PDB file of all heavy atoms in Angstrom:
ATOM      1  N   GLN A   1      -5.654  -7.814  27.325  1.00  0.00           N
ATOM      2  CA  GLN A   1      -5.109  -6.528  27.743  1.00  0.00           C
ATOM      3  C   GLN A   1      -4.207  -5.995  26.630  1.00  0.00           C
ATOM      4  O   GLN A   1      -3.008  -6.230  26.621  1.00  0.00           O
ATOM      5  CB  GLN A   1      -4.292  -6.672  29.032  1.00  0.00           C
ATOM      6  CG  GLN A   1      -5.090  -7.030  30.258  1.00  0.00           C
ATOM      7  CD  GLN A   1      -4.165  -7.153  31.462  1.00  0.00           C
ATOM      8  OE1 GLN A   1      -3.497  -8.160  31.672  1.00  0.00           O
ATOM      9  NE2 GLN A   1      -4.121  -6.103  32.251  1.00  0.00           N
ATOM     10  N   PRO A   2      -4.779  -5.301  25.681  1.00  0.00           N
ATOM     11  CA  PRO A   2      -3.962  -4.797  24.578  1.00  0.00           C
ATOM     12  C   PRO A   2      -2.944  -3.780  25.056  1.00  0.00           C
ATOM     13  O   PRO A   2      -3.125  -3.113  26.073  1.00  0.00           O
ATOM     14  CB  PRO A   2      -4.992  -4.167  23.635  1.00  0.00           C
ATOM     15  CG  PRO A   2      -6.174  -3.869  24.497  1.00  0.00           C
ATOM     16  CD  PRO A   2      -6.193  -4.939  25.542  1.00  0.00           C
ATOM     17  N   GLY A   3      -1.849  -3.675  24.310  1.00  0.00           N
ATOM     18  CA  GLY A   3      -0.767  -2.786  24.684  1.00  0.00           C
ATOM     19  C   GLY A   3      -1.048  -1.337  24.344  1.00  0.00           C
ATOM     20  O   GLY A   3      -2.142  -0.979  23.885  1.00  0.00           O
ATOM     21  N   ASP A   4      -0.044  -0.481  24.558  1.00  0.00           N
ATOM     22  CA  ASP A   4      -0.263   0.954  24.397  1.00  0.00           C
ATOM     23  C   ASP A   4       0.014   1.404  22.970  1.00  0.00           C
ATOM     24  O   ASP A   4       0.628   0.704  22.170  1.00  0.00           O
ATOM     25  CB  ASP A   4       0.585   1.733  25.398  1.00  0.00           C
ATOM     26  CG  ASP A   4       2.078   1.568  25.137  1.00  0.00           C
ATOM     27  OD1 ASP A   4       2.457   0.717  24.313  1.00  0.00           O
ATOM     28  OD2 ASP A   4       2.845   2.304  25.762  1.00  0.00           O
ATOM     29  N   VAL A   5      -0.435   2.608  22.679  1.00  0.00           N
ATOM     30  CA  VAL A   5      -0.326   3.161  21.332  1.00  0.00           C
ATOM     31  C   VAL A   5       1.137   3.383  20.961  1.00  0.00           C
ATOM     32  O   VAL A   5       1.534   3.146  19.814  1.00  0.00           O
ATOM     33  CB  VAL A   5      -1.109   4.485  21.233  1.00  0.00           C
ATOM     34  CG1 VAL A   5      -0.887   5.146  19.877  1.00  0.00           C
ATOM     35  CG2 VAL A   5      -2.592   4.236  21.459  1.00  0.00           C
ATOM     36  N   ALA A   6       1.959   3.819  21.910  1.00  0.00           N
ATOM     37  CA  ALA A   6       3.350   4.139  21.597  1.00  0.00           C
ATOM     38  C   ALA A   6       4.093   2.926  21.048  1.00  0.00           C
ATOM     39  O   ALA A   6       4.870   3.043  20.091  1.00  0.00           O
ATOM     40  CB  ALA A   6       4.054   4.666  22.853  1.00  0.00           C
ATOM     41  N   THR A   7       3.849   1.752  21.624  1.00  0.00           N
ATOM     42  CA  THR A   7       4.519   0.543  21.148  1.00  0.00           C
ATOM     43  C   THR A   7       4.032   0.175  19.752  1.00  0.00           C
ATOM     44  O   THR A   7       4.827  -0.204  18.884  1.00  0.00           O
ATOM     45  CB  THR A   7       4.272  -0.618  22.123  1.00  0.00           C
ATOM     46  OG1 THR A   7       4.771  -0.265  23.410  1.00  0.00           O
ATOM     47  CG2 THR A   7       4.976  -1.886  21.654  1.00  0.00           C
ATOM     48  N   VAL A   8       2.742   0.293  19.521  1.00  0.00           N
ATOM     49  CA  VAL A   8       2.195  -0.019  18.199  1.00  0.00           C
ATOM     50  C   VAL A   8       2.754   0.937  17.143  1.00  0.00           C
ATOM     51  O   VAL A   8       3.100   0.525  16.034  1.00  0.00           O
ATOM     52  CB  VAL A   8       0.654   0.026  18.223  1.00  0.00           C
ATOM     53  CG1 VAL A   8       0.076  -0.126  16.819  1.00  0.00           C
ATOM     54  CG2 VAL A   8       0.103  -1.069  19.132  1.00  0.00           C
ATOM     55  N   LEU A   9       2.862   2.208  17.499  1.00  0.00           N
ATOM     56  CA  LEU A   9       3.441   3.179  16.566  1.00  0.00           C
ATOM     57  C   LEU A   9       4.891   2.819  16.231  1.00  0.00           C
ATOM     58  O   LEU A   9       5.320   2.944  15.086  1.00  0.00           O
ATOM     59  CB  LEU A   9       3.382   4.581  17.157  1.00  0.00           C
ATOM     60  CG  LEU A   9       2.005   5.240  17.242  1.00  0.00           C
ATOM     61  CD1 LEU A   9       2.114   6.615  17.889  1.00  0.00           C
ATOM     62  CD2 LEU A   9       1.350   5.350  15.877  1.00  0.00           C
ATOM     63  N   ARG A  10       5.645   2.387  17.233  1.00  0.00           N
ATOM     64  CA  ARG A  10       7.035   2.003  16.984  1.00  0.00           C
ATOM     65  C   ARG A  10       7.104   0.841  16.005  1.00  0.00           C
ATOM     66  O   ARG A  10       7.951   0.815  15.104  1.00  0.00           O
ATOM     67  CB  ARG A  10       7.688   1.625  18.321  1.00  0.00           C
ATOM     68  CG  ARG A  10       9.119   1.112  18.228  1.00  0.00           C
ATOM     69  CD  ARG A  10      10.065   2.120  17.651  1.00  0.00           C
ATOM     70  NE  ARG A  10       9.965   3.418  18.316  1.00  0.00           N
ATOM     71  CZ  ARG A  10      10.542   4.527  17.878  1.00  0.00           C
ATOM     72  NH1 ARG A  10      11.266   4.488  16.775  1.00  0.00           N
ATOM     73  NH2 ARG A  10      10.398   5.665  18.524  1.00  0.00           N
ATOM     74  N   VAL A  11       6.203  -0.128  16.167  1.00  0.00           N
ATOM     75  CA  VAL A  11       6.184  -1.272  15.246  1.00  0.00           C
ATOM     76  C   VAL A  11       5.848  -0.814  13.831  1.00  0.00           C
ATOM     77  O   VAL A  11       6.516  -1.175  12.860  1.00  0.00           O
ATOM     78  CB  VAL A  11       5.170  -2.331  15.712  1.00  0.00           C
ATOM     79  CG1 VAL A  11       5.062  -3.465  14.698  1.00  0.00           C
ATOM     80  CG2 VAL A  11       5.553  -2.891  17.073  1.00  0.00           C
ATOM     81  N   LEU A  12       4.799  -0.020  13.689  1.00  0.00           N
ATOM     82  CA  LEU A  12       4.391   0.451  12.367  1.00  0.00           C
ATOM     83  C   LEU A  12       5.515   1.247  11.699  1.00  0.00           C
ATOM     84  O   LEU A  12       5.750   1.119  10.494  1.00  0.00           O
ATOM     85  CB  LEU A  12       3.130   1.309  12.486  1.00  0.00           C
ATOM     86  CG  LEU A  12       1.847   0.552  12.831  1.00  0.00           C
ATOM     87  CD1 LEU A  12       0.727   1.534  13.186  1.00  0.00           C
ATOM     88  CD2 LEU A  12       1.403  -0.350  11.689  1.00  0.00           C
ATOM     89  N   TYR A  13       6.220   2.044  12.474  1.00  0.00           N
ATOM     90  CA  TYR A  13       7.325   2.840  11.943  1.00  0.00           C
ATOM     91  C   TYR A  13       8.437   1.939  11.415  1.00  0.00           C
ATOM     92  O   TYR A  13       8.958   2.152  10.308  1.00  0.00           O
ATOM     93  CB  TYR A  13       7.846   3.737  13.066  1.00  0.00           C
ATOM     94  CG  TYR A  13       9.103   4.504  12.736  1.00  0.00           C
ATOM     95  CD1 TYR A  13       9.100   5.512  11.781  1.00  0.00           C
ATOM     96  CD2 TYR A  13      10.293   4.245  13.416  1.00  0.00           C
ATOM     97  CE1 TYR A  13      10.253   6.228  11.496  1.00  0.00           C
ATOM     98  CE2 TYR A  13      11.446   4.957  13.140  1.00  0.00           C
ATOM     99  CZ  TYR A  13      11.422   5.946  12.173  1.00  0.00           C
ATOM    100  OH  TYR A  13      12.569   6.649  11.890  1.00  0.00           O
ATOM    101  N   LEU A  14       8.791   0.910  12.170  1.00  0.00           N
ATOM    102  CA  LEU A  14       9.856   0.012  11.740  1.00  0.00           C
ATOM    103  C   LEU A  14       9.429  -0.836  10.544  1.00  0.00           C
ATOM    104  O   LEU A  14      10.231  -1.120   9.657  1.00  0.00           O
ATOM    105  CB  LEU A  14      10.293  -0.882  12.903  1.00  0.00           C
ATOM    106  CG  LEU A  14      11.020  -0.154  14.044  1.00  0.00           C
ATOM    107  CD1 LEU A  14      11.278  -1.102  15.201  1.00  0.00           C
ATOM    108  CD2 LEU A  14      12.326   0.445  13.561  1.00  0.00           C
ATOM    109  N   VAL A  15       8.164  -1.253  10.517  1.00  0.00           N
ATOM    110  CA  VAL A  15       7.660  -1.999   9.363  1.00  0.00           C
ATOM    111  C   VAL A  15       7.734  -1.121   8.111  1.00  0.00           C
ATOM    112  O   VAL A  15       8.165  -1.562   7.044  1.00  0.00           O
ATOM    113  CB  VAL A  15       6.215  -2.472   9.605  1.00  0.00           C
ATOM    114  CG1 VAL A  15       5.595  -3.009   8.312  1.00  0.00           C
ATOM    115  CG2 VAL A  15       6.188  -3.565  10.676  1.00  0.00           C
ATOM    116  N   PHE A  16       7.328   0.138   8.240  1.00  0.00           N
ATOM    117  CA  PHE A  16       7.392   1.050   7.097  1.00  0.00           C
ATOM    118  C   PHE A  16       8.826   1.239   6.630  1.00  0.00           C
ATOM    119  O   PHE A  16       9.117   1.210   5.431  1.00  0.00           O
ATOM    120  CB  PHE A  16       6.791   2.406   7.472  1.00  0.00           C
ATOM    121  CG  PHE A  16       6.910   3.434   6.377  1.00  0.00           C
ATOM    122  CD1 PHE A  16       5.997   3.452   5.330  1.00  0.00           C
ATOM    123  CD2 PHE A  16       7.935   4.362   6.377  1.00  0.00           C
ATOM    124  CE1 PHE A  16       6.103   4.379   4.299  1.00  0.00           C
ATOM    125  CE2 PHE A  16       8.054   5.296   5.357  1.00  0.00           C
ATOM    126  CZ  PHE A  16       7.136   5.304   4.327  1.00  0.00           C
ATOM    127  N   ASN A  17       9.745   1.437   7.568  1.00  0.00           N
ATOM    128  CA  ASN A  17      11.141   1.638   7.197  1.00  0.00           C
ATOM    129  C   ASN A  17      11.700   0.442   6.449  1.00  0.00           C
ATOM    130  O   ASN A  17      12.458   0.591   5.491  1.00  0.00           O
ATOM    131  CB  ASN A  17      11.992   1.898   8.448  1.00  0.00           C
ATOM    132  CG  ASN A  17      11.919   3.339   8.885  1.00  0.00           C
ATOM    133  OD1 ASN A  17      11.416   4.184   8.162  1.00  0.00           O
ATOM    134  ND2 ASN A  17      12.396   3.625  10.077  1.00  0.00           N
ATOM    135  N   GLU A  18      11.357  -0.771   6.879  1.00  0.00           N
ATOM    136  CA  GLU A  18      11.858  -1.960   6.190  1.00  0.00           C
ATOM    137  C   GLU A  18      11.245  -2.054   4.801  1.00  0.00           C
ATOM    138  O   GLU A  18      11.921  -2.420   3.838  1.00  0.00           O
ATOM    139  CB  GLU A  18      11.534  -3.217   6.993  1.00  0.00           C
ATOM    140  CG  GLU A  18      12.195  -4.448   6.470  1.00  0.00           C
ATOM    141  CD  GLU A  18      13.710  -4.340   6.439  1.00  0.00           C
ATOM    142  OE1 GLU A  18      14.310  -3.850   7.401  1.00  0.00           O
ATOM    143  OE2 GLU A  18      14.292  -4.721   5.413  1.00  0.00           O
ATOM    144  N   GLY A  19       9.973  -1.711   4.690  1.00  0.00           N
ATOM    145  CA  GLY A  19       9.331  -1.741   3.382  1.00  0.00           C
ATOM    146  C   GLY A  19       9.850  -0.663   2.463  1.00  0.00           C
ATOM    147  O   GLY A  19       9.893  -0.818   1.247  1.00  0.00           O
ATOM    148  N   TYR A  20      10.276   0.480   3.040  1.00  0.00           N
ATOM    149  CA  TYR A  20      10.733   1.615   2.245  1.00  0.00           C
ATOM    150  C   TYR A  20      12.154   1.429   1.751  1.00  0.00           C
ATOM    151  O   TYR A  20      12.500   1.806   0.641  1.00  0.00           O
ATOM    152  CB  TYR A  20      10.637   2.877   3.111  1.00  0.00           C
ATOM    153  CG  TYR A  20      10.940   4.160   2.397  1.00  0.00           C
ATOM    154  CD1 TYR A  20      10.069   4.647   1.416  1.00  0.00           C
ATOM    155  CD2 TYR A  20      12.067   4.905   2.699  1.00  0.00           C
ATOM    156  CE1 TYR A  20      10.335   5.830   0.757  1.00  0.00           C
ATOM    157  CE2 TYR A  20      12.337   6.097   2.051  1.00  0.00           C
ATOM    158  CZ  TYR A  20      11.463   6.557   1.081  1.00  0.00           C
ATOM    159  OH  TYR A  20      11.723   7.726   0.425  1.00  0.00           O
ATOM    160  N   SER A  21      12.999   0.806   2.595  1.00  0.00           N
ATOM    161  CA  SER A  21      14.411   0.741   2.230  1.00  0.00           C
ATOM    162  C   SER A  21      14.983  -0.665   2.195  1.00  0.00           C
ATOM    163  O   SER A  21      16.129  -0.854   1.853  1.00  0.00           O
ATOM    164  CB  SER A  21      15.233   1.563   3.235  1.00  0.00           C
ATOM    165  OG  SER A  21      15.092   1.032   4.539  1.00  0.00           O
ATOM    166  N   GLY A  22      14.207  -1.681   2.545  1.00  0.00           N
ATOM    167  CA  GLY A  22      14.749  -3.017   2.660  1.00  0.00           C
ATOM    168  C   GLY A  22      14.336  -3.952   1.554  1.00  0.00           C
ATOM    169  O   GLY A  22      14.000  -3.539   0.444  1.00  0.00           O
ATOM    170  N   ASP A  23      14.333  -5.242   1.889  1.00  0.00           N
ATOM    171  CA  ASP A  23      14.111  -6.272   0.878  1.00  0.00           C
ATOM    172  C   ASP A  23      12.644  -6.685   0.744  1.00  0.00           C
ATOM    173  O   ASP A  23      12.278  -7.382  -0.195  1.00  0.00           O
ATOM    174  CB  ASP A  23      14.929  -7.515   1.243  1.00  0.00           C
ATOM    175  CG  ASP A  23      16.409  -7.194   1.371  1.00  0.00           C
ATOM    176  OD1 ASP A  23      16.883  -6.392   0.553  1.00  0.00           O
ATOM    177  OD2 ASP A  23      17.054  -7.725   2.279  1.00  0.00           O
ATOM    178  N   VAL A  24      11.793  -6.305   1.700  1.00  0.00           N
ATOM    179  CA  VAL A  24      10.402  -6.725   1.701  1.00  0.00           C
ATOM    180  C   VAL A  24       9.519  -5.493   1.550  1.00  0.00           C
ATOM    181  O   VAL A  24       9.700  -4.498   2.248  1.00  0.00           O
ATOM    182  CB  VAL A  24      10.047  -7.459   3.018  1.00  0.00           C
ATOM    183  CG1 VAL A  24       8.605  -7.940   2.988  1.00  0.00           C
ATOM    184  CG2 VAL A  24      11.002  -8.617   3.251  1.00  0.00           C
ATOM    185  N   ASP A  25       8.552  -5.526   0.641  1.00  0.00           N
ATOM    186  CA  ASP A  25       7.707  -4.370   0.375  1.00  0.00           C
ATOM    187  C   ASP A  25       6.553  -4.332   1.370  1.00  0.00           C
ATOM    188  O   ASP A  25       5.508  -4.917   1.160  1.00  0.00           O
ATOM    189  CB  ASP A  25       7.173  -4.432  -1.064  1.00  0.00           C
ATOM    190  CG  ASP A  25       6.439  -3.152  -1.442  1.00  0.00           C
ATOM    191  OD1 ASP A  25       6.402  -2.236  -0.601  1.00  0.00           O
ATOM    192  OD2 ASP A  25       5.911  -3.076  -2.564  1.00  0.00           O
ATOM    193  N   LEU A  26       6.750  -3.613   2.473  1.00  0.00           N
ATOM    194  CA  LEU A  26       5.738  -3.521   3.515  1.00  0.00           C
ATOM    195  C   LEU A  26       5.256  -2.087   3.729  1.00  0.00           C
ATOM    196  O   LEU A  26       4.429  -1.846   4.590  1.00  0.00           O
ATOM    197  CB  LEU A  26       6.305  -4.060   4.844  1.00  0.00           C
ATOM    198  CG  LEU A  26       6.695  -5.535   4.865  1.00  0.00           C
ATOM    199  CD1 LEU A  26       7.493  -5.849   6.118  1.00  0.00           C
ATOM    200  CD2 LEU A  26       5.458  -6.412   4.806  1.00  0.00           C
ATOM    201  N   ALA A  27       5.792  -1.143   2.967  1.00  0.00           N
ATOM    202  CA  ALA A  27       5.492   0.259   3.211  1.00  0.00           C
ATOM    203  C   ALA A  27       4.006   0.569   3.031  1.00  0.00           C
ATOM    204  O   ALA A  27       3.397   1.248   3.863  1.00  0.00           O
ATOM    205  CB  ALA A  27       6.326   1.139   2.283  1.00  0.00           C
ATOM    206  N   ALA A  28       3.408   0.101   1.953  1.00  0.00           N
ATOM    207  CA  ALA A  28       1.999   0.388   1.702  1.00  0.00           C
ATOM    208  C   ALA A  28       1.112  -0.202   2.791  1.00  0.00           C
ATOM    209  O   ALA A  28       0.118   0.414   3.209  1.00  0.00           O
ATOM    210  CB  ALA A  28       1.586  -0.157   0.332  1.00  0.00           C
ATOM    211  N   GLU A  29       1.458  -1.394   3.274  1.00  0.00           N
ATOM    212  CA  GLU A  29       0.687  -2.013   4.348  1.00  0.00           C
ATOM    213  C   GLU A  29       0.801  -1.207   5.635  1.00  0.00           C
ATOM    214  O   GLU A  29      -0.180  -1.010   6.352  1.00  0.00           O
ATOM    215  CB  GLU A  29       1.179  -3.451   4.588  1.00  0.00           C
ATOM    216  CG  GLU A  29       0.568  -4.166   5.776  1.00  0.00           C
ATOM    217  CD  GLU A  29      -0.913  -4.495   5.601  1.00  0.00           C
ATOM    218  OE1 GLU A  29      -1.497  -4.143   4.548  1.00  0.00           O
ATOM    219  OE2 GLU A  29      -1.478  -5.104   6.513  1.00  0.00           O
ATOM    220  N   ALA A  30       1.987  -0.693   5.932  1.00  0.00           N
ATOM    221  CA  ALA A  30       2.166   0.123   7.129  1.00  0.00           C
ATOM    222  C   ALA A  30       1.342   1.408   7.040  1.00  0.00           C
ATOM    223  O   ALA A  30       0.738   1.842   8.031  1.00  0.00           O
ATOM    224  CB  ALA A  30       3.640   0.452   7.330  1.00  0.00           C
ATOM    225  N   ILE A  31       1.295   2.018   5.859  1.00  0.00           N
ATOM    226  CA  ILE A  31       0.485   3.223   5.677  1.00  0.00           C
ATOM    227  C   ILE A  31      -0.990   2.900   5.865  1.00  0.00           C
ATOM    228  O   ILE A  31      -1.731   3.648   6.530  1.00  0.00           O
ATOM    229  CB  ILE A  31       0.734   3.834   4.282  1.00  0.00           C
ATOM    230  CG1 ILE A  31       2.155   4.391   4.192  1.00  0.00           C
ATOM    231  CG2 ILE A  31      -0.274   4.941   3.979  1.00  0.00           C
ATOM    232  CD1 ILE A  31       2.537   4.884   2.818  1.00  0.00           C
ATOM    233  N   ARG A  32      -1.436   1.787   5.296  1.00  0.00           N
ATOM    234  CA  ARG A  32      -2.850   1.390   5.429  1.00  0.00           C
ATOM    235  C   ARG A  32      -3.244   1.224   6.900  1.00  0.00           C
ATOM    236  O   ARG A  32      -4.280   1.724   7.350  1.00  0.00           O
ATOM    237  CB  ARG A  32      -3.084   0.086   4.668  1.00  0.00           C
ATOM    238  CG  ARG A  32      -4.540  -0.383   4.660  1.00  0.00           C
ATOM    239  CD  ARG A  32      -4.673  -1.716   3.942  1.00  0.00           C
ATOM    240  NE  ARG A  32      -4.094  -2.805   4.726  1.00  0.00           N
ATOM    241  CZ  ARG A  32      -4.743  -3.443   5.698  1.00  0.00           C
ATOM    242  NH1 ARG A  32      -5.980  -3.079   6.031  1.00  0.00           N
ATOM    243  NH2 ARG A  32      -4.170  -4.427   6.345  1.00  0.00           N
ATOM    244  N   LEU A  33      -2.397   0.545   7.659  1.00  0.00           N
ATOM    245  CA  LEU A  33      -2.706   0.309   9.069  1.00  0.00           C
ATOM    246  C   LEU A  33      -2.639   1.600   9.882  1.00  0.00           C
ATOM    247  O   LEU A  33      -3.445   1.806  10.805  1.00  0.00           O
ATOM    248  CB  LEU A  33      -1.746  -0.726   9.648  1.00  0.00           C
ATOM    249  CG  LEU A  33      -1.889  -2.140   9.082  1.00  0.00           C
ATOM    250  CD1 LEU A  33      -0.779  -3.039   9.610  1.00  0.00           C
ATOM    251  CD2 LEU A  33      -3.254  -2.732   9.434  1.00  0.00           C
TER     252      LEU A  33
END
């Protein structure tokens, strides 16, 4: 039973933010997904 789109979007947004401004480069991966 996969979850809803809104929760997945929230995760992708936070992953991008950490990659954009934090210590781990995850921004490009978030854009790809």
